[in-house]
Amino acid sequence: MQITEIRPGPPALRIWRLSSILSTAVTMSAALAHLMEMPAKMRYERDLYVRLHRTLYNMFGKFAGPTEAFAVVSTGLLALWTRKHQPESAGLTAAAALSLAAADGVFWAAVEPVNRTMGSWPMDAIPADWSRWRDRWEYGHAVRACLATGALATLTLSMLKERTQS
């Protein structure tokens, strides 16, 4: 009978891996929060939607933004380390890093321009095409939720794949 155990690596690597997993979990939770709000928010009338957009998400950028950047960097560096030292998990770790980078890219390409645009609208002059901007923001976050969830799943699987046989 073969017994397998997780090979955790040196203490610094364990801390790095834990930091990567936790920052990815925070990234995922922020993205999932937006996704869970989406069905209700898609029914809001324009004034309410824009008012909530301006007031509800201030802490997301201040807390989740830096955490997401850390998740991208820490998981990318972890992928480089595993490529050399734990190749059995390198592919999954790299997939997690790429998924996080893609989620960040979706934010900057699709979501952040909407934040700037909607923030510039006078509340008494919201444009007629406001729902196009709402849809871009909401669906951008839906894509991000999928990517971040996939990143956490593959990052966790990569850790579980790092096994040795005794």
Protein backbone atom coordinates (compact mmCIF):
# COMPACT_ATOMS: atom_id res chain seq x y z
CA MET A 1 0.00 0.00 0.00
CA GLN A 2 1.29 3.44 -0.92
CA ILE A 3 0.95 6.32 1.48
CA THR A 4 0.95 9.85 0.14
CA GLU A 5 1.51 13.03 2.05
CA ILE A 6 1.53 16.68 1.17
CA ARG A 7 5.03 18.02 0.72
CA PRO A 8 4.68 21.51 2.15
CA GLY A 9 8.13 22.82 1.29
CA PRO A 10 10.24 25.21 3.37
CA PRO A 11 8.54 27.53 5.91
CA ALA A 12 8.94 30.62 3.70
CA LEU A 13 7.23 28.81 0.82
CA ARG A 14 4.35 27.74 3.09
CA ILE A 15 3.82 31.35 4.15
CA TRP A 16 4.00 32.48 0.50
CA ARG A 17 1.52 29.80 -0.57
CA LEU A 18 -0.85 30.70 2.28
CA SER A 19 -0.61 34.39 1.33
CA SER A 20 -1.40 33.51 -2.27
CA ILE A 21 -4.41 31.38 -1.31
CA LEU A 22 -5.79 33.96 1.13
CA SER A 23 -5.36 36.93 -1.21
CA THR A 24 -6.98 34.90 -3.99
CA ALA A 25 -9.88 34.05 -1.65
CA VAL A 26 -10.41 37.75 -0.87
CA THR A 27 -10.29 38.53 -4.60
CA MET A 28 -12.87 35.82 -5.26
CA SER A 29 -15.14 36.93 -2.42
CA ALA A 30 -15.26 40.53 -3.65
CA ALA A 31 -16.04 39.39 -7.19
CA LEU A 32 -18.68 36.93 -5.97
CA ALA A 33 -20.29 39.68 -3.89
CA HIS A 34 -20.82 41.70 -7.06
CA LEU A 35 -22.18 38.65 -8.86
CA MET A 36 -24.66 37.86 -6.07
CA GLU A 37 -25.95 41.45 -6.11
CA MET A 38 -26.39 41.43 -9.87
CA PRO A 39 -29.96 40.02 -10.18
CA ALA A 40 -31.41 42.68 -7.87
CA LYS A 41 -29.32 45.54 -9.24
CA MET A 42 -30.31 44.77 -12.84
CA ARG A 43 -33.90 45.68 -11.87
CA TYR A 44 -33.04 49.05 -10.28
CA GLU A 45 -34.11 52.23 -12.00
CA ARG A 46 -31.30 54.44 -13.21
CA ASP A 47 -31.18 57.02 -10.37
CA LEU A 48 -31.05 54.36 -7.69
CA TYR A 49 -28.50 52.28 -9.60
CA VAL A 50 -26.13 55.21 -10.12
CA ARG A 51 -26.53 56.45 -6.53
CA LEU A 52 -25.75 52.99 -5.15
CA HIS A 53 -22.85 52.57 -7.54
CA ARG A 54 -21.28 55.75 -6.17
CA THR A 55 -21.83 54.99 -2.49
CA LEU A 56 -21.78 51.24 -1.99
CA TYR A 57 -18.37 50.24 -3.34
CA ASN A 58 -15.88 52.71 -1.86
CA MET A 59 -14.22 50.09 0.36
CA PHE A 60 -13.96 47.52 -2.44
CA GLY A 61 -11.27 49.53 -4.20
CA LYS A 62 -9.44 50.46 -1.03
CA PHE A 63 -9.23 46.93 0.34
CA ALA A 64 -9.91 44.43 -2.42
CA GLY A 65 -7.88 46.30 -5.06
CA PRO A 66 -4.49 46.00 -3.34
CA THR A 67 -5.33 42.47 -2.24
CA GLU A 68 -6.08 41.52 -5.83
CA ALA A 69 -2.80 42.99 -7.02
CA PHE A 70 -0.99 40.99 -4.32
CA ALA A 71 -2.83 37.82 -5.41
CA VAL A 72 -1.67 38.29 -9.00
CA VAL A 73 1.96 38.90 -8.00
CA SER A 74 2.18 36.28 -5.26
CA THR A 75 0.56 33.57 -7.36
CA GLY A 76 2.71 34.45 -10.36
CA LEU A 77 5.88 34.16 -8.26
CA LEU A 78 4.59 30.93 -6.73
CA ALA A 79 4.06 29.58 -10.26
CA LEU A 80 7.67 30.41 -11.15
CA TRP A 81 8.92 28.71 -7.99
CA THR A 82 6.85 25.56 -8.51
CA ARG A 83 8.01 25.34 -12.13
CA LYS A 84 11.53 24.73 -10.89
CA HIS A 85 11.00 22.99 -7.54
CA GLN A 86 7.62 21.23 -7.70
CA PRO A 87 6.86 20.65 -11.38
CA GLU A 88 3.95 18.30 -10.62
CA SER A 89 1.90 21.31 -9.51
CA ALA A 90 3.41 23.98 -11.75
CA GLY A 91 0.74 23.81 -14.47
CA LEU A 92 -2.14 24.31 -12.07
CA THR A 93 -0.33 27.09 -10.22
CA ALA A 94 0.40 28.83 -13.52
CA ALA A 95 -3.26 28.45 -14.53
CA ALA A 96 -4.30 30.12 -11.27
CA ALA A 97 -1.86 32.98 -11.87
CA LEU A 98 -3.11 33.46 -15.44
CA SER A 99 -6.73 33.40 -14.29
CA LEU A 100 -6.01 36.07 -11.68
CA ALA A 101 -4.16 38.18 -14.24
CA ALA A 102 -7.11 37.83 -16.63
CA ALA A 103 -9.55 38.88 -13.89
CA ASP A 104 -7.40 41.93 -13.22
CA GLY A 105 -7.29 42.66 -16.94
CA VAL A 106 -11.09 42.50 -17.16
CA PHE A 107 -11.28 44.99 -14.31
CA TRP A 108 -9.02 47.52 -16.02
CA ALA A 109 -10.47 47.01 -19.51
CA ALA A 110 -14.18 46.73 -18.73
CA VAL A 111 -15.04 47.76 -15.16
CA GLU A 112 -12.77 50.69 -14.27
CA PRO A 113 -13.78 52.75 -17.35
CA VAL A 114 -17.39 52.39 -16.22
CA ASN A 115 -16.47 53.53 -12.70
CA ARG A 116 -14.87 56.68 -14.11
CA THR A 117 -17.69 57.35 -16.57
CA MET A 118 -20.55 56.82 -14.13
CA GLY A 119 -18.74 58.87 -11.51
CA SER A 120 -18.70 61.84 -13.87
CA TRP A 121 -22.45 61.91 -14.48
CA PRO A 122 -24.44 64.63 -12.74
CA MET A 123 -27.25 62.94 -10.82
CA ASP A 124 -29.77 65.15 -12.61
CA ALA A 125 -28.37 64.32 -16.07
CA ILE A 126 -27.81 60.56 -16.26
CA PRO A 127 -27.56 59.68 -19.97
CA ALA A 128 -30.23 57.66 -21.74
CA ASP A 129 -27.75 54.85 -22.51
CA TRP A 130 -26.90 54.38 -18.82
CA SER A 131 -27.98 50.71 -18.92
CA ARG A 132 -25.24 49.92 -21.45
CA TRP A 133 -22.71 51.09 -18.88
CA ARG A 134 -24.49 49.18 -16.10
CA ASP A 135 -24.44 45.98 -18.16
CA ARG A 136 -20.74 46.35 -18.91
CA TRP A 137 -19.97 46.79 -15.21
CA GLU A 138 -22.20 43.94 -14.02
CA TYR A 139 -21.17 41.41 -16.66
CA GLY A 140 -17.52 42.40 -16.28
CA HIS A 141 -17.76 41.50 -12.62
CA ALA A 142 -19.55 38.25 -13.47
CA VAL A 143 -16.61 37.25 -15.67
CA ARG A 144 -14.21 38.26 -12.91
CA ALA A 145 -16.10 36.10 -10.40
CA CYS A 146 -15.71 33.07 -12.67
CA LEU A 147 -12.01 33.72 -13.22
CA ALA A 148 -11.28 34.30 -9.53
CA THR A 149 -13.23 31.20 -8.50
CA GLY A 150 -11.30 29.18 -11.06
CA ALA A 151 -8.05 30.64 -9.75
CA LEU A 152 -8.79 29.63 -6.18
CA ALA A 153 -9.87 26.16 -7.28
CA THR A 154 -6.74 25.54 -9.38
CA LEU A 155 -4.47 27.03 -6.73
CA THR A 156 -5.95 24.70 -4.13
CA LEU A 157 -5.67 21.73 -6.48
CA SER A 158 -2.04 22.61 -7.19
CA MET A 159 -1.27 22.39 -3.49
CA LEU A 160 -3.03 19.06 -3.19
CA LYS A 161 -1.12 17.72 -6.20
CA GLU A 162 2.21 18.30 -4.50
CA ARG A 163 2.61 14.83 -3.09
CA THR A 164 5.40 12.44 -2.53
CA GLN A 165 5.14 8.70 -2.22
CA SER A 166 6.65 6.99 0.77
